[in-house]
Amino acid sequence: PWVRRPRRNWPELDAEYAAKLAVAAQELRARTPPARVTNAALERSLGGNDWVRRRKKNLPRTMRVLREAVESTEDFRLRRIRWVIGEFAERGVLPPAWKVLREASLQTRMLPVVRALLEESAP
């Protein structure tokens, strides 16, 4: 015989997933070396693959948290550059800009940004 599954309590699920996503975003940002906070990475942390986005009409709070937590490529690059500069600063070294680029695995077009951030962090 056919068994009917119980209905889902969407508001409760929404609150639960929103809280889990916020924690997952903080954990991703705290990783060393830095990892980019993406939709896919956050959904993987919930154990699902595209589950949340397929149910976005039922999970408005979760989708808001997801939109706010996801990091643009540019923001991630800046965070990675700052992290590399911080790593060198812990060793008491102010590296040349090219070395920061190499450590951060970035292209040379980011050189002006790196130079500006190095000048900012110089004592």
Protein backbone atom coordinates (compact mmCIF):
# COMPACT_ATOMS: atom_id res chain seq x y z
CA PRO A 1 0.00 0.00 0.00
CA TRP A 2 0.95 3.58 -0.59
CA VAL A 3 2.13 5.46 2.53
CA ARG A 4 1.77 9.20 2.73
CA ARG A 5 4.72 11.05 4.24
CA PRO A 6 3.98 13.76 6.82
CA ARG A 7 3.91 17.34 5.59
CA ARG A 8 6.96 19.46 6.23
CA ASN A 9 6.89 22.36 8.63
CA TRP A 10 8.51 24.91 6.29
CA PRO A 11 8.82 27.84 8.73
CA GLU A 12 10.61 25.58 11.23
CA LEU A 13 12.86 24.12 8.52
CA ASP A 14 13.56 27.63 7.22
CA ALA A 15 14.72 28.85 10.65
CA GLU A 16 16.84 25.72 11.18
CA TYR A 17 18.56 25.92 7.79
CA ALA A 18 19.13 29.68 8.08
CA ALA A 19 20.94 29.16 11.39
CA LYS A 20 22.99 26.26 10.01
CA LEU A 21 23.99 28.29 6.94
CA ALA A 22 25.11 31.24 9.05
CA VAL A 23 27.36 28.96 11.12
CA ALA A 24 28.68 27.22 7.99
CA ALA A 25 29.54 30.60 6.41
CA GLN A 26 31.52 31.62 9.52
CA GLU A 27 33.38 28.30 9.49
CA LEU A 28 34.25 28.68 5.80
CA ARG A 29 35.55 32.21 6.36
CA ALA A 30 37.70 31.00 9.26
CA ARG A 31 39.50 28.33 7.22
CA THR A 32 43.23 28.53 6.67
CA PRO A 33 44.17 28.95 3.87
CA PRO A 34 41.09 30.97 2.96
CA ALA A 35 38.33 29.23 1.03
CA ARG A 36 35.74 31.12 -0.97
CA VAL A 37 32.22 31.15 0.45
CA THR A 38 30.01 29.98 -2.43
CA ASN A 39 26.46 28.70 -2.82
CA ALA A 40 27.77 25.22 -3.56
CA ALA A 41 30.12 25.14 -0.55
CA LEU A 42 27.36 26.27 1.80
CA GLU A 43 24.86 23.76 0.44
CA ARG A 44 27.43 20.97 0.76
CA SER A 45 27.85 21.91 4.41
CA LEU A 46 24.14 21.19 4.88
CA GLY A 47 24.63 17.77 3.36
CA GLY A 48 22.49 18.44 0.32
CA ASN A 49 23.29 19.20 -3.25
CA ASP A 50 21.04 21.97 -4.59
CA TRP A 51 18.28 20.98 -2.15
CA VAL A 52 17.85 24.46 -0.71
CA ARG A 53 17.82 26.33 -4.02
CA ARG A 54 15.20 23.98 -5.44
CA ARG A 55 12.93 24.89 -2.52
CA LYS A 56 13.69 28.61 -2.37
CA LYS A 57 10.00 29.59 -2.37
CA ASN A 58 9.53 27.71 0.90
CA LEU A 59 12.78 28.92 2.53
CA PRO A 60 12.90 32.75 2.32
CA ARG A 61 15.06 33.31 5.45
CA THR A 62 17.52 30.66 4.34
CA MET A 63 17.79 32.26 0.91
CA ARG A 64 18.42 35.67 2.49
CA VAL A 65 21.21 34.23 4.63
CA LEU A 66 22.63 32.50 1.56
CA ARG A 67 22.62 35.73 -0.49
CA GLU A 68 24.29 37.69 2.32
CA ALA A 69 26.92 35.03 3.06
CA VAL A 70 28.09 34.28 -0.49
CA GLU A 71 31.30 36.07 -1.35
CA SER A 72 32.09 37.65 -4.71
CA THR A 73 35.28 36.68 -6.49
CA GLU A 74 36.66 40.17 -5.91
CA ASP A 75 35.91 40.06 -2.17
CA PHE A 76 37.58 36.66 -1.91
CA ARG A 77 40.69 37.90 -3.72
CA LEU A 78 40.98 40.83 -1.31
CA ARG A 79 40.53 38.55 1.70
CA ARG A 80 43.16 36.16 0.34
CA ILE A 81 45.64 39.01 -0.28
CA ARG A 82 45.12 40.32 3.26
CA TRP A 83 45.61 36.82 4.63
CA VAL A 84 48.92 36.39 2.75
CA ILE A 85 50.15 39.80 3.91
CA GLY A 86 49.18 38.83 7.47
CA GLU A 87 51.09 35.56 7.19
CA PHE A 88 54.22 37.44 6.13
CA ALA A 89 53.67 40.05 8.87
CA GLU A 90 53.61 37.29 11.51
CA ARG A 91 57.12 36.36 10.36
CA GLY A 92 58.13 40.03 10.55
CA VAL A 93 58.59 40.37 6.80
CA LEU A 94 57.13 42.90 4.39
CA PRO A 95 57.23 40.98 1.10
CA PRO A 96 57.45 42.39 -2.41
CA ALA A 97 54.12 42.59 -4.24
CA TRP A 98 54.99 39.81 -6.69
CA LYS A 99 55.56 37.40 -3.83
CA VAL A 100 52.15 38.18 -2.35
CA LEU A 101 50.58 37.55 -5.76
CA ARG A 102 52.31 34.20 -6.04
CA GLU A 103 51.37 33.10 -2.52
CA ALA A 104 47.75 34.19 -3.07
CA SER A 105 47.68 32.42 -6.47
CA LEU A 106 46.51 35.55 -8.25
CA GLN A 107 47.17 37.06 -11.65
CA THR A 108 49.42 40.04 -12.27
CA ARG A 109 46.44 42.29 -13.02
CA MET A 110 45.88 42.35 -9.23
CA LEU A 111 49.32 43.94 -8.71
CA PRO A 112 48.02 47.52 -8.11
CA VAL A 113 45.60 46.23 -5.47
CA VAL A 114 48.37 44.27 -3.77
CA ARG A 115 50.66 47.29 -3.75
CA ALA A 116 47.92 49.46 -2.23
CA LEU A 117 47.23 46.89 0.50
CA LEU A 118 50.95 46.54 1.21
CA GLU A 119 51.27 50.31 1.64
CA GLU A 120 48.25 50.23 3.95
CA SER A 121 49.84 47.57 6.15
CA ALA A 122 53.35 49.04 6.17
CA PRO A 123 54.38 50.35 9.63
